[in-house]
Amino acid sequence: MAVAWGIGPEQMRLMLDDFPLLDRGQPALPGEAQSTITRDSVLLAMSQDGSEEARAARCRVEKAMREGAIPYIPAEFV
């Protein structure tokens, strides 16, 4: 959907920054104040090109999932 609207990773990152409570209740990565599992998952899906950014996003998502984080859980299910 983002591609259809011409939204790139940088614009998506900016949009997701407007939702600081998005992953409340999800465990954060060690050393971080809050979880970014949804943000990282979206950016990973947008950058499947083998770039350094894609590798970093994949690593963050895998680590977060090992910590028990789940990307985007609507509030009505919390």
PDB file of N, CA and C in Angstrom:
ATOM      1  N   MET A   1       0.818  -1.172   0.000  1.00  0.00           N
ATOM      2  CA  MET A   1       0.000   0.000   0.000  1.00  0.00           C
ATOM      3  C   MET A   1       0.876   1.256   0.000  1.00  0.00           C
ATOM      4  N   ALA A   2       1.943   1.235   0.783  1.00  0.00           N
ATOM      5  CA  ALA A   2       2.817   2.404   0.839  1.00  0.00           C
ATOM      6  C   ALA A   2       3.404   2.713  -0.533  1.00  0.00           C
ATOM      7  N   VAL A   3       3.791   1.681  -1.258  1.00  0.00           N
ATOM      8  CA  VAL A   3       4.357   1.874  -2.594  1.00  0.00           C
ATOM      9  C   VAL A   3       3.328   2.515  -3.517  1.00  0.00           C
ATOM     10  N   ALA A   4       2.084   2.070  -3.429  1.00  0.00           N
ATOM     11  CA  ALA A   4       1.022   2.636  -4.273  1.00  0.00           C
ATOM     12  C   ALA A   4       0.847   4.133  -4.030  1.00  0.00           C
ATOM     13  N   TRP A   5       1.093   4.564  -2.812  1.00  0.00           N
ATOM     14  CA  TRP A   5       0.970   5.984  -2.468  1.00  0.00           C
ATOM     15  C   TRP A   5       2.298   6.728  -2.629  1.00  0.00           C
ATOM     16  N   GLY A   6       3.350   6.031  -3.053  1.00  0.00           N
ATOM     17  CA  GLY A   6       4.645   6.670  -3.243  1.00  0.00           C
ATOM     18  C   GLY A   6       5.365   6.981  -1.942  1.00  0.00           C
ATOM     19  N   ILE A   7       5.072   6.201  -0.909  1.00  0.00           N
ATOM     20  CA  ILE A   7       5.694   6.417   0.401  1.00  0.00           C
ATOM     21  C   ILE A   7       6.926   5.529   0.503  1.00  0.00           C
ATOM     22  N   GLY A   8       8.065   6.151   0.747  1.00  0.00           N
ATOM     23  CA  GLY A   8       9.310   5.416   0.903  1.00  0.00           C
ATOM     24  C   GLY A   8       9.613   5.175   2.371  1.00  0.00           C
ATOM     25  N   PRO A   9      10.699   4.461   2.652  1.00  0.00           N
ATOM     26  CA  PRO A   9      11.054   4.152   4.038  1.00  0.00           C
ATOM     27  C   PRO A   9      11.218   5.393   4.923  1.00  0.00           C
ATOM     28  N   GLU A  10      11.806   6.447   4.388  1.00  0.00           N
ATOM     29  CA  GLU A  10      12.009   7.654   5.205  1.00  0.00           C
ATOM     30  C   GLU A  10      10.679   8.299   5.588  1.00  0.00           C
ATOM     31  N   GLN A  11       9.753   8.384   4.644  1.00  0.00           N
ATOM     32  CA  GLN A  11       8.433   8.948   4.943  1.00  0.00           C
ATOM     33  C   GLN A  11       7.670   8.045   5.914  1.00  0.00           C
ATOM     34  N   MET A  12       7.791   6.740   5.742  1.00  0.00           N
ATOM     35  CA  MET A  12       7.113   5.805   6.644  1.00  0.00           C
ATOM     36  C   MET A  12       7.669   5.929   8.056  1.00  0.00           C
ATOM     37  N   ARG A  13       8.984   6.058   8.165  1.00  0.00           N
ATOM     38  CA  ARG A  13       9.617   6.239   9.471  1.00  0.00           C
ATOM     39  C   ARG A  13       9.042   7.480  10.151  1.00  0.00           C
ATOM     40  N   LEU A  14       8.923   8.565   9.405  1.00  0.00           N
ATOM     41  CA  LEU A  14       8.367   9.810   9.940  1.00  0.00           C
ATOM     42  C   LEU A  14       6.912   9.618  10.374  1.00  0.00           C
ATOM     43  N   MET A  15       6.122   8.931   9.561  1.00  0.00           N
ATOM     44  CA  MET A  15       4.718   8.681   9.909  1.00  0.00           C
ATOM     45  C   MET A  15       4.603   7.852  11.185  1.00  0.00           C
ATOM     46  N   LEU A  16       5.400   6.811  11.299  1.00  0.00           N
ATOM     47  CA  LEU A  16       5.328   5.946  12.471  1.00  0.00           C
ATOM     48  C   LEU A  16       5.791   6.658  13.737  1.00  0.00           C
ATOM     49  N   ASP A  17       6.660   7.655  13.595  1.00  0.00           N
ATOM     50  CA  ASP A  17       7.095   8.443  14.755  1.00  0.00           C
ATOM     51  C   ASP A  17       5.934   9.203  15.387  1.00  0.00           C
ATOM     52  N   ASP A  18       4.853   9.404  14.637  1.00  0.00           N
ATOM     53  CA  ASP A  18       3.678  10.106  15.160  1.00  0.00           C
ATOM     54  C   ASP A  18       2.811   9.221  16.053  1.00  0.00           C
ATOM     55  N   PHE A  19       3.184   7.970  16.224  1.00  0.00           N
ATOM     56  CA  PHE A  19       2.396   7.038  17.034  1.00  0.00           C
ATOM     57  C   PHE A  19       3.272   6.422  18.133  1.00  0.00           C
ATOM     58  N   PRO A  20       3.680   7.230  19.126  1.00  0.00           N
ATOM     59  CA  PRO A  20       4.605   6.737  20.146  1.00  0.00           C
ATOM     60  C   PRO A  20       4.025   5.629  21.029  1.00  0.00           C
ATOM     61  N   LEU A  21       2.708   5.508  21.084  1.00  0.00           N
ATOM     62  CA  LEU A  21       2.098   4.476  21.925  1.00  0.00           C
ATOM     63  C   LEU A  21       1.803   3.187  21.167  1.00  0.00           C
ATOM     64  N   LEU A  22       2.221   3.119  19.923  1.00  0.00           N
ATOM     65  CA  LEU A  22       1.891   1.993  19.055  1.00  0.00           C
ATOM     66  C   LEU A  22       2.232   0.642  19.678  1.00  0.00           C
ATOM     67  N   ASP A  23       3.380   0.510  20.261  1.00  0.00           N
ATOM     68  CA  ASP A  23       3.818  -0.783  20.792  1.00  0.00           C
ATOM     69  C   ASP A  23       3.863  -0.821  22.316  1.00  0.00           C
ATOM     70  N   ARG A  24       3.043   0.014  22.950  1.00  0.00           N
ATOM     71  CA  ARG A  24       3.017  -0.016  24.416  1.00  0.00           C
ATOM     72  C   ARG A  24       2.584  -1.417  24.850  1.00  0.00           C
ATOM     73  N   GLY A  25       3.181  -1.878  25.886  1.00  0.00           N
ATOM     74  CA  GLY A  25       2.858  -3.219  26.368  1.00  0.00           C
ATOM     75  C   GLY A  25       3.721  -4.310  25.760  1.00  0.00           C
ATOM     76  N   GLN A  26       4.473  -3.978  24.727  1.00  0.00           N
ATOM     77  CA  GLN A  26       5.378  -4.958  24.123  1.00  0.00           C
ATOM     78  C   GLN A  26       6.752  -4.807  24.775  1.00  0.00           C
ATOM     79  N   PRO A  27       7.465  -5.906  24.970  1.00  0.00           N
ATOM     80  CA  PRO A  27       8.791  -5.795  25.578  1.00  0.00           C
ATOM     81  C   PRO A  27       9.772  -5.077  24.651  1.00  0.00           C
ATOM     82  N   ALA A  28      10.538  -4.181  25.236  1.00  0.00           N
ATOM     83  CA  ALA A  28      11.560  -3.445  24.480  1.00  0.00           C
ATOM     84  C   ALA A  28      12.812  -4.304  24.332  1.00  0.00           C
ATOM     85  N   LEU A  29      13.613  -3.952  23.353  1.00  0.00           N
ATOM     86  CA  LEU A  29      14.916  -4.600  23.220  1.00  0.00           C
ATOM     87  C   LEU A  29      15.772  -4.202  24.417  1.00  0.00           C
ATOM     88  N   PRO A  30      16.670  -5.071  24.855  1.00  0.00           N
ATOM     89  CA  PRO A  30      17.543  -4.723  25.972  1.00  0.00           C
ATOM     90  C   PRO A  30      18.272  -3.399  25.712  1.00  0.00           C
ATOM     91  N   GLY A  31      18.238  -2.520  26.704  1.00  0.00           N
ATOM     92  CA  GLY A  31      18.905  -1.228  26.592  1.00  0.00           C
ATOM     93  C   GLY A  31      18.062  -0.138  25.964  1.00  0.00           C
ATOM     94  N   GLU A  32      16.838  -0.452  25.546  1.00  0.00           N
ATOM     95  CA  GLU A  32      15.959   0.549  24.937  1.00  0.00           C
ATOM     96  C   GLU A  32      14.769   0.816  25.853  1.00  0.00           C
ATOM     97  N   ALA A  33      14.225   2.022  25.765  1.00  0.00           N
ATOM     98  CA  ALA A  33      13.133   2.433  26.650  1.00  0.00           C
ATOM     99  C   ALA A  33      11.784   1.849  26.254  1.00  0.00           C
ATOM    100  N   GLN A  34      11.558   1.649  24.957  1.00  0.00           N
ATOM    101  CA  GLN A  34      10.260   1.127  24.513  1.00  0.00           C
ATOM    102  C   GLN A  34      10.429   0.269  23.273  1.00  0.00           C
ATOM    103  N   SER A  35       9.427  -0.545  23.019  1.00  0.00           N
ATOM    104  CA  SER A  35       9.441  -1.435  21.860  1.00  0.00           C
ATOM    105  C   SER A  35       9.197  -0.657  20.570  1.00  0.00           C
ATOM    106  N   THR A  36       9.835  -1.105  19.509  1.00  0.00           N
ATOM    107  CA  THR A  36       9.605  -0.549  18.170  1.00  0.00           C
ATOM    108  C   THR A  36       9.339  -1.688  17.181  1.00  0.00           C
ATOM    109  N   ILE A  37       8.753  -2.777  17.665  1.00  0.00           N
ATOM    110  CA  ILE A  37       8.559  -3.963  16.831  1.00  0.00           C
ATOM    111  C   ILE A  37       7.701  -3.679  15.601  1.00  0.00           C
ATOM    112  N   THR A  38       6.638  -2.897  15.740  1.00  0.00           N
ATOM    113  CA  THR A  38       5.788  -2.615  14.577  1.00  0.00           C
ATOM    114  C   THR A  38       6.542  -1.763  13.574  1.00  0.00           C
ATOM    115  N   ARG A  39       7.184  -0.708  14.044  1.00  0.00           N
ATOM    116  CA  ARG A  39       7.971   0.174  13.169  1.00  0.00           C
ATOM    117  C   ARG A  39       9.033  -0.636  12.427  1.00  0.00           C
ATOM    118  N   ASP A  40       9.771  -1.447  13.167  1.00  0.00           N
ATOM    119  CA  ASP A  40      10.838  -2.240  12.559  1.00  0.00           C
ATOM    120  C   ASP A  40      10.284  -3.252  11.556  1.00  0.00           C
ATOM    121  N   SER A  41       9.133  -3.849  11.866  1.00  0.00           N
ATOM    122  CA  SER A  41       8.520  -4.821  10.951  1.00  0.00           C
ATOM    123  C   SER A  41       8.063  -4.162   9.655  1.00  0.00           C
ATOM    124  N   VAL A  42       7.467  -2.978   9.771  1.00  0.00           N
ATOM    125  CA  VAL A  42       7.014  -2.251   8.579  1.00  0.00           C
ATOM    126  C   VAL A  42       8.212  -1.864   7.720  1.00  0.00           C
ATOM    127  N   LEU A  43       9.251  -1.333   8.348  1.00  0.00           N
ATOM    128  CA  LEU A  43      10.436  -0.926   7.591  1.00  0.00           C
ATOM    129  C   LEU A  43      11.128  -2.134   6.955  1.00  0.00           C
ATOM    130  N   LEU A  44      11.112  -3.267   7.635  1.00  0.00           N
ATOM    131  CA  LEU A  44      11.676  -4.488   7.052  1.00  0.00           C
ATOM    132  C   LEU A  44      10.886  -4.893   5.812  1.00  0.00           C
ATOM    133  N   ALA A  45       9.574  -4.851   5.899  1.00  0.00           N
ATOM    134  CA  ALA A  45       8.737  -5.213   4.751  1.00  0.00           C
ATOM    135  C   ALA A  45       8.966  -4.277   3.571  1.00  0.00           C
ATOM    136  N   MET A  46       9.305  -3.026   3.858  1.00  0.00           N
ATOM    137  CA  MET A  46       9.522  -2.048   2.787  1.00  0.00           C
ATOM    138  C   MET A  46      10.914  -2.131   2.181  1.00  0.00           C
ATOM    139  N   SER A  47      11.849  -2.768   2.867  1.00  0.00           N
ATOM    140  CA  SER A  47      13.235  -2.770   2.380  1.00  0.00           C
ATOM    141  C   SER A  47      13.770  -4.193   2.253  1.00  0.00           C
ATOM    142  N   GLN A  48      13.175  -4.962   1.395  1.00  0.00           N
ATOM    143  CA  GLN A  48      13.591  -6.345   1.161  1.00  0.00           C
ATOM    144  C   GLN A  48      14.654  -6.420   0.064  1.00  0.00           C
ATOM    145  N   ASP A  49      15.571  -5.469   0.050  1.00  0.00           N
ATOM    146  CA  ASP A  49      16.532  -5.379  -1.044  1.00  0.00           C
ATOM    147  C   ASP A  49      17.943  -5.847  -0.679  1.00  0.00           C
ATOM    148  N   GLY A  50      18.131  -6.373   0.524  1.00  0.00           N
ATOM    149  CA  GLY A  50      19.451  -6.831   0.922  1.00  0.00           C
ATOM    150  C   GLY A  50      20.379  -5.719   1.372  1.00  0.00           C
ATOM    151  N   SER A  51      19.846  -4.512   1.514  1.00  0.00           N
ATOM    152  CA  SER A  51      20.660  -3.373   1.940  1.00  0.00           C
ATOM    153  C   SER A  51      21.022  -3.497   3.417  1.00  0.00           C
ATOM    154  N   GLU A  52      21.926  -2.652   3.858  1.00  0.00           N
ATOM    155  CA  GLU A  52      22.308  -2.612   5.268  1.00  0.00           C
ATOM    156  C   GLU A  52      21.095  -2.276   6.133  1.00  0.00           C
ATOM    157  N   GLU A  53      20.252  -1.380   5.652  1.00  0.00           N
ATOM    158  CA  GLU A  53      19.032  -1.016   6.381  1.00  0.00           C
ATOM    159  C   GLU A  53      18.115  -2.232   6.547  1.00  0.00           C
ATOM    160  N   ALA A  54      17.981  -3.028   5.503  1.00  0.00           N
ATOM    161  CA  ALA A  54      17.140  -4.229   5.567  1.00  0.00           C
ATOM    162  C   ALA A  54      17.721  -5.245   6.545  1.00  0.00           C
ATOM    163  N   ARG A  55      19.032  -5.426   6.515  1.00  0.00           N
ATOM    164  CA  ARG A  55      19.671  -6.369   7.442  1.00  0.00           C
ATOM    165  C   ARG A  55      19.501  -5.911   8.883  1.00  0.00           C
ATOM    166  N   ALA A  56      19.650  -4.608   9.128  1.00  0.00           N
ATOM    167  CA  ALA A  56      19.489  -4.074  10.483  1.00  0.00           C
ATOM    168  C   ALA A  56      18.049  -4.249  10.965  1.00  0.00           C
ATOM    169  N   ALA A  57      17.087  -3.980  10.094  1.00  0.00           N
ATOM    170  CA  ALA A  57      15.674  -4.140  10.461  1.00  0.00           C
ATOM    171  C   ALA A  57      15.368  -5.600  10.768  1.00  0.00           C
ATOM    172  N   ARG A  58      15.864  -6.510   9.942  1.00  0.00           N
ATOM    173  CA  ARG A  58      15.632  -7.944  10.177  1.00  0.00           C
ATOM    174  C   ARG A  58      16.209  -8.364  11.528  1.00  0.00           C
ATOM    175  N   CYS A  59      17.396  -7.901  11.830  1.00  0.00           N
ATOM    176  CA  CYS A  59      18.047  -8.233  13.096  1.00  0.00           C
ATOM    177  C   CYS A  59      17.219  -7.717  14.278  1.00  0.00           C
ATOM    178  N   ARG A  60      16.737  -6.477  14.198  1.00  0.00           N
ATOM    179  CA  ARG A  60      15.927  -5.891  15.274  1.00  0.00           C
ATOM    180  C   ARG A  60      14.615  -6.656  15.449  1.00  0.00           C
ATOM    181  N   VAL A  61      13.970  -7.003  14.344  1.00  0.00           N
ATOM    182  CA  VAL A  61      12.701  -7.738  14.423  1.00  0.00           C
ATOM    183  C   VAL A  61      12.928  -9.110  15.050  1.00  0.00           C
ATOM    184  N   GLU A  62      13.957  -9.806  14.618  1.00  0.00           N
ATOM    185  CA  GLU A  62      14.236 -11.136  15.168  1.00  0.00           C
ATOM    186  C   GLU A  62      14.536 -11.064  16.658  1.00  0.00           C
ATOM    187  N   LYS A  63      15.341 -10.082  17.075  1.00  0.00           N
ATOM    188  CA  LYS A  63      15.657  -9.920  18.500  1.00  0.00           C
ATOM    189  C   LYS A  63      14.396  -9.609  19.299  1.00  0.00           C
ATOM    190  N   ALA A  64      13.578  -8.700  18.793  1.00  0.00           N
ATOM    191  CA  ALA A  64      12.355  -8.312  19.506  1.00  0.00           C
ATOM    192  C   ALA A  64      11.408  -9.500  19.644  1.00  0.00           C
ATOM    193  N   MET A  65      11.287 -10.296  18.598  1.00  0.00           N
ATOM    194  CA  MET A  65      10.397 -11.463  18.666  1.00  0.00           C
ATOM    195  C   MET A  65      10.919 -12.493  19.664  1.00  0.00           C
ATOM    196  N   ARG A  66      12.234 -12.619  19.763  1.00  0.00           N
ATOM    197  CA  ARG A  66      12.800 -13.522  20.780  1.00  0.00           C
ATOM    198  C   ARG A  66      12.481 -13.023  22.187  1.00  0.00           C
ATOM    199  N   GLU A  67      12.341 -11.698  22.340  1.00  0.00           N
ATOM    200  CA  GLU A  67      11.975 -11.104  23.632  1.00  0.00           C
ATOM    201  C   GLU A  67      10.475 -11.226  23.899  1.00  0.00           C
ATOM    202  N   GLY A  68       9.714 -11.678  22.888  1.00  0.00           N
ATOM    203  CA  GLY A  68       8.278 -11.861  23.055  1.00  0.00           C
ATOM    204  C   GLY A  68       7.418 -10.758  22.466  1.00  0.00           C
ATOM    205  N   ALA A  69       8.022  -9.808  21.748  1.00  0.00           N
ATOM    206  CA  ALA A  69       7.262  -8.705  21.149  1.00  0.00           C
ATOM    207  C   ALA A  69       6.475  -9.198  19.938  1.00  0.00           C
ATOM    208  N   ILE A  70       5.298  -8.617  19.756  1.00  0.00           N
ATOM    209  CA  ILE A  70       4.420  -8.950  18.630  1.00  0.00           C
ATOM    210  C   ILE A  70       4.083  -7.655  17.907  1.00  0.00           C
ATOM    211  N   PRO A  71       4.297  -7.587  16.582  1.00  0.00           N
ATOM    212  CA  PRO A  71       3.975  -6.351  15.855  1.00  0.00           C
ATOM    213  C   PRO A  71       2.482  -6.066  15.838  1.00  0.00           C
ATOM    214  N   TYR A  72       2.121  -4.830  15.988  1.00  0.00           N
ATOM    215  CA  TYR A  72       0.777  -4.258  15.941  1.00  0.00           C
ATOM    216  C   TYR A  72      -0.330  -5.141  16.497  1.00  0.00           C
ATOM    217  N   ILE A  73      -0.709  -4.819  17.705  1.00  0.00           N
ATOM    218  CA  ILE A  73      -1.874  -5.436  18.334  1.00  0.00           C
ATOM    219  C   ILE A  73      -2.884  -4.314  18.546  1.00  0.00           C
ATOM    220  N   PRO A  74      -4.029  -4.343  17.860  1.00  0.00           N
ATOM    221  CA  PRO A  74      -5.036  -3.293  18.042  1.00  0.00           C
ATOM    222  C   PRO A  74      -5.462  -3.188  19.508  1.00  0.00           C
ATOM    223  N   ALA A  75      -5.766  -1.987  19.958  1.00  0.00           N
ATOM    224  CA  ALA A  75      -6.116  -1.732  21.356  1.00  0.00           C
ATOM    225  C   ALA A  75      -7.276  -2.595  21.839  1.00  0.00           C
ATOM    226  N   GLU A  76      -8.217  -2.910  20.960  1.00  0.00           N
ATOM    227  CA  GLU A  76      -9.360  -3.704  21.414  1.00  0.00           C
ATOM    228  C   GLU A  76      -8.983  -5.139  21.769  1.00  0.00           C
ATOM    229  N   PHE A  77      -7.770  -5.562  21.413  1.00  0.00           N
ATOM    230  CA  PHE A  77      -7.324  -6.910  21.744  1.00  0.00           C
ATOM    231  C   PHE A  77      -6.356  -6.931  22.918  1.00  0.00           C
ATOM    232  N   VAL A  78      -6.084  -5.776  23.499  1.00  0.00           N
ATOM    233  CA  VAL A  78      -5.125  -5.698  24.608  1.00  0.00           C
ATOM    234  C   VAL A  78      -5.850  -5.843  25.919  1.00  0.00           C
TER     235      VAL A  78
END
